[in-house]
Protein backbone atom coordinates (compact mmCIF):
# COMPACT_ATOMS: atom_id res chain seq x y z
CA MET A 1 -83.71 82.24 -180.30
CA GLN A 2 -86.60 84.41 -181.48
CA PHE A 3 -88.94 83.27 -184.25
CA ILE A 4 -90.97 85.75 -186.28
CA LEU A 5 -94.05 84.46 -188.09
CA THR A 6 -95.14 86.51 -191.09
CA LEU A 7 -98.77 86.93 -192.15
CA PRO A 8 -98.41 84.74 -195.29
CA GLU A 9 -96.87 82.00 -193.13
CA LEU A 10 -99.71 82.29 -190.62
CA ARG A 11 -102.24 82.09 -193.45
CA ALA A 12 -100.45 78.99 -194.78
CA LEU A 13 -100.64 77.46 -191.30
CA ALA A 14 -104.40 78.10 -191.18
CA GLU A 15 -104.76 76.49 -194.61
CA LEU A 16 -102.86 73.41 -193.45
CA ILE A 17 -104.44 72.75 -190.06
CA GLY A 18 -107.96 74.08 -190.74
CA PRO A 19 -110.65 74.66 -188.06
CA TYR A 20 -109.93 71.43 -186.14
CA GLY A 21 -106.21 72.10 -186.04
CA LEU A 22 -106.77 75.66 -184.90
CA LYS A 23 -109.10 74.43 -182.16
CA PHE A 24 -106.37 72.07 -180.93
CA LEU A 25 -103.84 74.93 -181.07
CA SER A 26 -106.26 77.16 -179.15
CA GLU A 27 -106.67 74.58 -176.38
CA ASN A 28 -102.90 74.39 -175.98
CA LEU A 29 -102.65 78.17 -175.81
CA MET A 30 -105.36 78.24 -173.14
CA TRP A 31 -103.24 75.92 -170.98
CA HIS A 32 -100.45 78.50 -171.00
CA ILE A 33 -102.94 81.23 -170.08
CA THR A 34 -104.41 79.30 -167.14
CA SER A 35 -100.91 78.76 -165.75
CA GLN A 36 -100.42 82.54 -165.79
CA VAL A 37 -103.83 83.11 -164.19
CA THR A 38 -102.91 80.70 -161.39
CA GLU A 39 -99.80 82.75 -160.60
CA LEU A 40 -101.80 85.99 -160.80
CA LYS A 41 -104.25 84.67 -158.22
CA LYS A 42 -101.36 83.86 -155.88
CA LEU A 43 -100.14 87.45 -156.16
CA VAL A 44 -103.65 88.74 -155.44
CA ILE A 45 -103.91 86.56 -152.32
CA GLU A 46 -100.53 87.85 -151.08
CA ASN A 47 -101.72 91.47 -151.39
CA MET A 48 -105.43 90.94 -150.67
CA ASP A 49 -105.76 93.27 -147.66
CA ILE A 50 -104.02 96.14 -149.46
CA LEU A 51 -106.07 95.62 -152.64
CA VAL A 52 -109.34 95.67 -150.68
CA GLN A 53 -108.33 99.00 -149.15
CA MET A 54 -107.33 100.35 -152.56
CA ARG A 55 -110.66 99.35 -154.03
CA ASN A 56 -112.47 101.28 -151.30
CA ASN A 57 -110.20 104.35 -151.37
CA PHE A 58 -109.15 104.71 -155.02
CA ASP A 59 -110.40 108.32 -155.15
CA LYS A 60 -108.29 109.40 -152.14
CA ALA A 61 -104.88 110.35 -153.52
CA GLU A 62 -103.01 110.51 -150.21
CA GLU A 63 -104.24 107.13 -148.98
CA MET A 64 -103.54 105.54 -152.38
CA THR A 65 -99.97 106.84 -152.30
CA LEU A 66 -99.39 105.16 -148.93
CA LEU A 67 -101.04 101.92 -150.02
CA LYS A 68 -99.00 101.76 -153.25
CA LYS A 69 -95.81 101.78 -151.20
CA ARG A 70 -97.01 98.62 -149.43
CA LEU A 71 -98.13 96.88 -152.63
CA THR A 72 -95.71 94.27 -153.99
CA GLY A 73 -95.42 92.42 -157.30
CA ALA A 74 -96.89 95.12 -159.57
CA GLU A 75 -94.32 94.52 -162.31
CA ASN A 76 -94.87 90.76 -162.07
CA VAL A 77 -98.62 91.21 -162.55
CA LEU A 78 -98.15 93.37 -165.63
CA LYS A 79 -95.61 90.96 -167.16
CA ARG A 80 -97.94 87.99 -166.71
CA MET A 81 -100.89 89.93 -168.11
CA THR A 82 -98.76 90.97 -171.09
CA ILE A 83 -97.90 87.31 -171.76
CA ILE A 84 -101.62 86.50 -171.72
CA GLY A 85 -102.24 89.40 -174.11
CA VAL A 86 -99.54 88.23 -176.53
CA ILE A 87 -101.01 84.70 -176.58
CA LEU A 88 -104.55 85.98 -177.17
CA SER A 89 -103.34 88.38 -179.87
CA PHE A 90 -101.59 85.53 -181.69
CA LYS A 91 -104.76 83.44 -181.43
CA SER A 92 -106.78 86.32 -182.87
CA MET A 93 -104.38 86.71 -185.80
CA ALA A 94 -104.55 82.98 -186.54
CA GLU A 95 -108.36 83.12 -186.46
CA ASP A 96 -108.35 86.09 -188.86
CA CYS A 97 -106.29 84.02 -191.29
CA LEU A 98 -108.65 81.05 -190.89
CA GLN A 99 -111.59 83.34 -191.64
CA ASP A 100 -109.91 84.44 -194.89
CA ILE A 101 -109.31 80.81 -195.87
CA LEU A 102 -112.91 79.76 -195.16
CA HIS A 103 -114.26 82.77 -197.08
CA LYS A 104 -112.20 81.58 -200.02
CA HIS A 105 -113.28 77.91 -199.87
CA CYS A 106 -116.86 78.07 -198.56
CA PRO A 107 -118.33 81.59 -198.60
CA TYR A 108 -121.86 80.13 -198.61
CA LEU A 109 -121.19 78.66 -195.15
CA MET A 110 -119.63 81.78 -193.64
CA GLY A 111 -122.67 83.98 -194.34
CA PRO A 112 -125.11 82.19 -192.00
CA ILE A 113 -122.44 81.85 -189.29
CA LYS A 114 -121.80 85.61 -189.41
CA CYS A 115 -125.52 86.24 -188.99
CA LEU A 116 -125.44 84.51 -185.59
CA ASN A 117 -123.93 87.66 -184.10
CA ASN A 118 -127.04 89.62 -185.10
CA ILE A 119 -129.42 87.43 -183.10
CA ILE A 120 -127.37 87.45 -179.88
CA SER A 121 -128.28 90.06 -177.27
CA PRO A 122 -127.49 90.62 -173.57
CA GLU A 123 -130.86 89.01 -172.77
CA THR A 124 -129.93 85.77 -174.57
CA ASP A 125 -129.27 82.79 -172.30
CA ILE A 126 -125.52 82.57 -171.69
CA LYS A 127 -125.41 78.88 -172.65
CA VAL A 128 -126.98 79.67 -176.02
CA THR A 129 -124.62 82.63 -176.45
CA LEU A 130 -121.54 80.52 -175.74
CA ARG A 131 -122.65 77.81 -178.19
CA ALA A 132 -123.07 80.45 -180.89
CA PHE A 133 -119.67 81.95 -180.03
CA GLU A 134 -118.06 78.49 -180.23
CA LEU A 135 -119.34 78.09 -183.79
CA MET A 136 -118.26 81.61 -184.72
CA SER A 137 -114.82 81.10 -183.17
CA ALA A 138 -114.41 77.80 -185.06
CA ALA A 139 -114.94 79.79 -188.27
CA GLY A 140 -112.36 82.39 -187.21
CA LEU A 141 -114.91 85.10 -186.42
CA PRO A 142 -114.35 87.48 -183.48
CA CYS A 143 -116.59 87.10 -180.41
CA ASP A 144 -117.44 89.43 -177.53
CA ILE A 145 -116.65 86.58 -175.14
CA ASN A 146 -113.86 84.09 -175.89
CA PRO A 147 -115.51 80.63 -175.51
CA ALA A 148 -112.18 78.79 -175.30
CA LEU A 149 -111.02 81.09 -172.50
CA VAL A 150 -114.34 80.67 -170.67
CA ALA A 151 -113.93 76.88 -170.79
CA ALA A 152 -110.33 77.16 -169.58
CA ILE A 153 -111.20 79.47 -166.68
CA SER A 154 -114.16 77.27 -165.74
CA SER A 155 -111.92 74.18 -165.61
CA MET A 156 -109.68 75.91 -163.05
CA HIS A 157 -112.40 75.88 -160.39
CA THR A 158 -111.77 73.39 -157.59
CA ASP A 159 -113.68 72.34 -154.48
CA ASN A 160 -111.11 74.19 -152.35
CA THR A 161 -112.52 77.60 -153.31
CA SER A 162 -116.11 78.81 -153.54
CA ILE A 163 -117.61 80.84 -156.36
CA GLU A 164 -117.73 83.85 -154.02
CA GLU A 165 -113.99 83.58 -153.30
CA GLU A 166 -113.21 83.25 -157.02
CA TYR A 167 -115.37 86.30 -157.70
CA LYS A 168 -113.52 88.32 -155.06
CA LEU A 169 -110.16 87.30 -156.56
CA SER A 170 -111.34 88.34 -160.03
CA CYS A 171 -112.46 91.77 -158.79
CA LEU A 172 -109.22 92.34 -156.90
CA LEU A 173 -107.15 91.21 -159.90
CA LEU A 174 -108.67 94.04 -161.94
CA VAL A 175 -107.88 96.43 -159.07
CA TYR A 176 -104.31 95.11 -159.02
CA ILE A 177 -103.88 95.71 -162.76
CA ALA A 178 -105.46 99.18 -162.62
CA VAL A 179 -103.24 100.48 -159.82
CA SER A 180 -100.14 98.90 -161.41
CA LEU A 181 -100.46 100.66 -164.79
CA PRO A 182 -98.34 103.70 -163.79
CA THR A 183 -95.42 101.30 -163.25
CA LEU A 184 -95.23 100.95 -167.03
CA ALA A 185 -94.21 104.60 -167.34
CA LEU A 186 -90.93 103.75 -165.59
CA ASP A 187 -89.99 101.26 -168.33
CA SER A 188 -88.14 102.87 -171.24
CA ASN A 189 -89.51 100.13 -173.53
CA SER A 190 -93.08 101.28 -172.85
CA CYS A 191 -92.64 103.93 -175.53
CA TYR A 192 -95.34 103.79 -178.22
CA ASN A 193 -93.92 102.87 -181.64
CA ARG A 194 -95.91 104.77 -184.26
CA GLU A 195 -94.53 102.65 -187.12
CA HIS A 196 -95.77 99.38 -185.60
CA GLY A 197 -98.87 100.82 -183.98
CA GLY A 198 -97.96 99.46 -180.55
CA HIS A 199 -95.58 99.66 -177.62
CA ASN A 200 -92.05 98.30 -177.90
CA ASN A 201 -92.53 95.93 -174.93
CA ASN A 202 -95.96 94.66 -176.09
CA THR A 203 -97.76 96.77 -173.50
CA HIS A 204 -100.55 97.28 -176.07
CA CYS A 205 -101.39 93.56 -175.68
CA LEU A 206 -102.64 94.36 -172.18
CA ALA A 207 -105.77 95.81 -173.78
CA THR A 208 -106.66 92.42 -175.26
CA ALA A 209 -105.73 90.55 -172.08
CA ILE A 210 -107.79 92.77 -169.76
CA ASN A 211 -110.91 92.71 -171.93
CA GLN A 212 -110.93 89.01 -172.74
CA LEU A 213 -109.85 87.76 -169.32
CA ALA A 214 -112.40 89.93 -167.50
CA ALA A 215 -115.18 88.82 -169.86
CA ALA A 216 -114.28 85.15 -169.36
CA MET A 217 -113.95 85.33 -165.57
CA PHE A 218 -117.22 87.17 -164.98
CA THR A 219 -119.06 84.96 -167.48
CA VAL A 220 -118.01 81.88 -165.50
CA GLN A 221 -119.09 83.61 -162.27
CA LYS A 222 -122.37 84.82 -163.86
CA LYS A 223 -121.67 88.49 -163.10
CA ASN A 224 -122.18 91.66 -165.11
CA ILE A 225 -119.11 92.14 -167.33
CA GLU A 226 -119.84 95.76 -168.24
CA GLN A 227 -120.28 96.82 -164.63
CA HIS A 228 -116.90 95.42 -163.58
CA LEU A 229 -115.05 96.80 -166.59
CA LYS A 230 -116.54 100.21 -165.79
CA GLU A 231 -115.16 99.89 -162.27
CA PHE A 232 -111.76 98.96 -163.71
CA LEU A 233 -111.88 101.95 -166.08
CA LEU A 234 -112.72 104.29 -163.21
CA MET A 235 -109.83 103.00 -161.08
CA ALA A 236 -107.34 102.99 -163.96
CA SER A 237 -108.34 106.54 -164.94
CA SER A 238 -107.97 107.80 -161.38
CA THR A 239 -104.55 106.16 -161.05
CA LEU A 240 -103.28 107.55 -164.36
CA LEU A 241 -104.57 111.03 -163.55
CA GLN A 242 -102.44 110.89 -160.41
CA LEU A 243 -99.53 109.91 -162.65
CA GLY A 244 -100.15 113.12 -164.58
CA GLN A 245 -99.42 115.10 -161.42
CA ASN A 246 -95.99 113.48 -161.11
CA VAL A 247 -93.24 115.77 -162.34
CA GLU A 248 -90.39 113.26 -162.29
CA ARG A 249 -88.71 113.23 -165.70
CA VAL A 250 -88.46 109.44 -165.91
CA GLU A 251 -92.21 108.96 -165.52
CA VAL A 252 -93.19 111.91 -167.71
CA LYS A 253 -91.16 110.47 -170.59
CA ASN A 254 -93.57 107.57 -171.25
CA ARG A 255 -96.69 109.00 -169.65
CA GLU A 256 -98.35 109.71 -173.00
CA SER A 257 -97.72 106.13 -174.17
CA ILE A 258 -99.56 104.80 -171.10
CA TYR A 259 -102.46 107.20 -171.71
CA LEU A 260 -102.79 105.59 -175.15
CA LEU A 261 -103.06 102.17 -173.51
CA LEU A 262 -106.19 103.28 -171.64
CA HIS A 263 -107.67 104.47 -174.93
CA MET A 264 -106.82 101.09 -176.54
CA ILE A 265 -108.54 99.19 -173.72
CA VAL A 266 -111.78 101.04 -174.45
CA GLU A 267 -111.40 100.70 -178.23
CA LYS A 268 -110.97 96.92 -178.02
CA SER A 269 -113.83 96.38 -175.58
CA PRO A 270 -117.37 95.50 -176.73
CA PHE A 271 -118.56 96.48 -173.24
CA LEU A 272 -116.98 99.95 -172.88
CA SER A 273 -117.48 103.13 -174.90
CA GLN A 274 -115.70 106.42 -175.49
CA ASP A 275 -118.47 108.18 -173.56
CA MET A 276 -117.63 106.05 -170.52
CA LEU A 277 -113.95 106.94 -170.90
CA GLU A 278 -114.65 110.67 -171.22
CA SER A 279 -116.80 110.59 -168.07
CA CYS A 280 -113.75 109.69 -165.96
CA PHE A 281 -110.72 110.59 -168.10
CA PRO A 282 -110.49 113.89 -170.03
CA TYR A 283 -110.38 113.14 -173.77
CA VAL A 284 -107.84 115.91 -174.23
CA LEU A 285 -105.20 113.67 -172.58
CA PRO A 286 -105.27 110.74 -175.08
CA ARG A 287 -105.71 113.25 -177.92
CA ASN A 288 -102.59 115.15 -176.86
CA ALA A 289 -100.82 111.83 -176.28
CA TYR A 290 -101.43 110.78 -179.90
CA ARG A 291 -100.22 114.18 -181.07
CA GLU A 292 -97.09 113.80 -178.96
CA VAL A 293 -96.12 110.38 -180.36
CA TYR A 294 -96.84 111.46 -183.94
CA ARG A 295 -95.41 114.96 -183.70
CA SER A 296 -92.39 114.15 -185.90
CA PHE A 297 -94.71 113.32 -188.81
CA ILE A 298 -95.45 116.37 -190.97
CA VAL A 299 -98.40 116.08 -193.32
CA THR A 300 -98.37 118.33 -196.36
CA LEU A 301 -101.21 118.83 -198.80
CA GLY A 302 -100.94 119.72 -202.46
């Protein structure tokens, strides 16, 4: 049975449970995400040798073609990442509703909390940044780094694996996702739905999952988030450009919808920019992709 929650119902839920209730809900959602991350790491370990080679040879089309044939579990990775994206998108919607409720009941409190974002910079100590983000998140405000997800990812670390091993798995997970994106073009449900502003199979939620999960993982590992997302963008762009050279009808059908996903990833990221995207992926491709999915709409003036 499928349940659909409307925006008024979600706002009513935020009114009922308040910040503490939403924090409890968020912690439960994080548990579901960590279970997916655990399975993703297992898939990375199974394909580690191939992913390392792909990371080193992503700009060599012939070698990548051979390596892709040996790669297994691409669809599984995308499905698990989509689940993570759906959960994080729901959490974001609930926080938006909480923000509306708090603005209504205590606008004098929301003003100073909003100002916290103005005093945070990349040079700010990460512990101070996360404390500020925790307060902002409790008020339903969006944050560059999801503090609840950072805490959840941090709690997954065990004595069996070192920080260096976890870092390697995180890097290879982004490689895995990047080289798996063309698989989405084979799914007929990957078509972009212009009425809903997303893909029929929730592929658009991958943008949220990739950005927030990468930010959380590399925050825990004390690495540069922007640098690794740039590497992901470069690999994803290269892989999708190779998809553009494929003339098979099945893949061409949803190719434009997958180009839009890459554009969404950049739009939703506080660490990436359109200039970065244009440096590795011609802007004419997402522009033409939007025109293709909206071509049945005729705008008349006067």
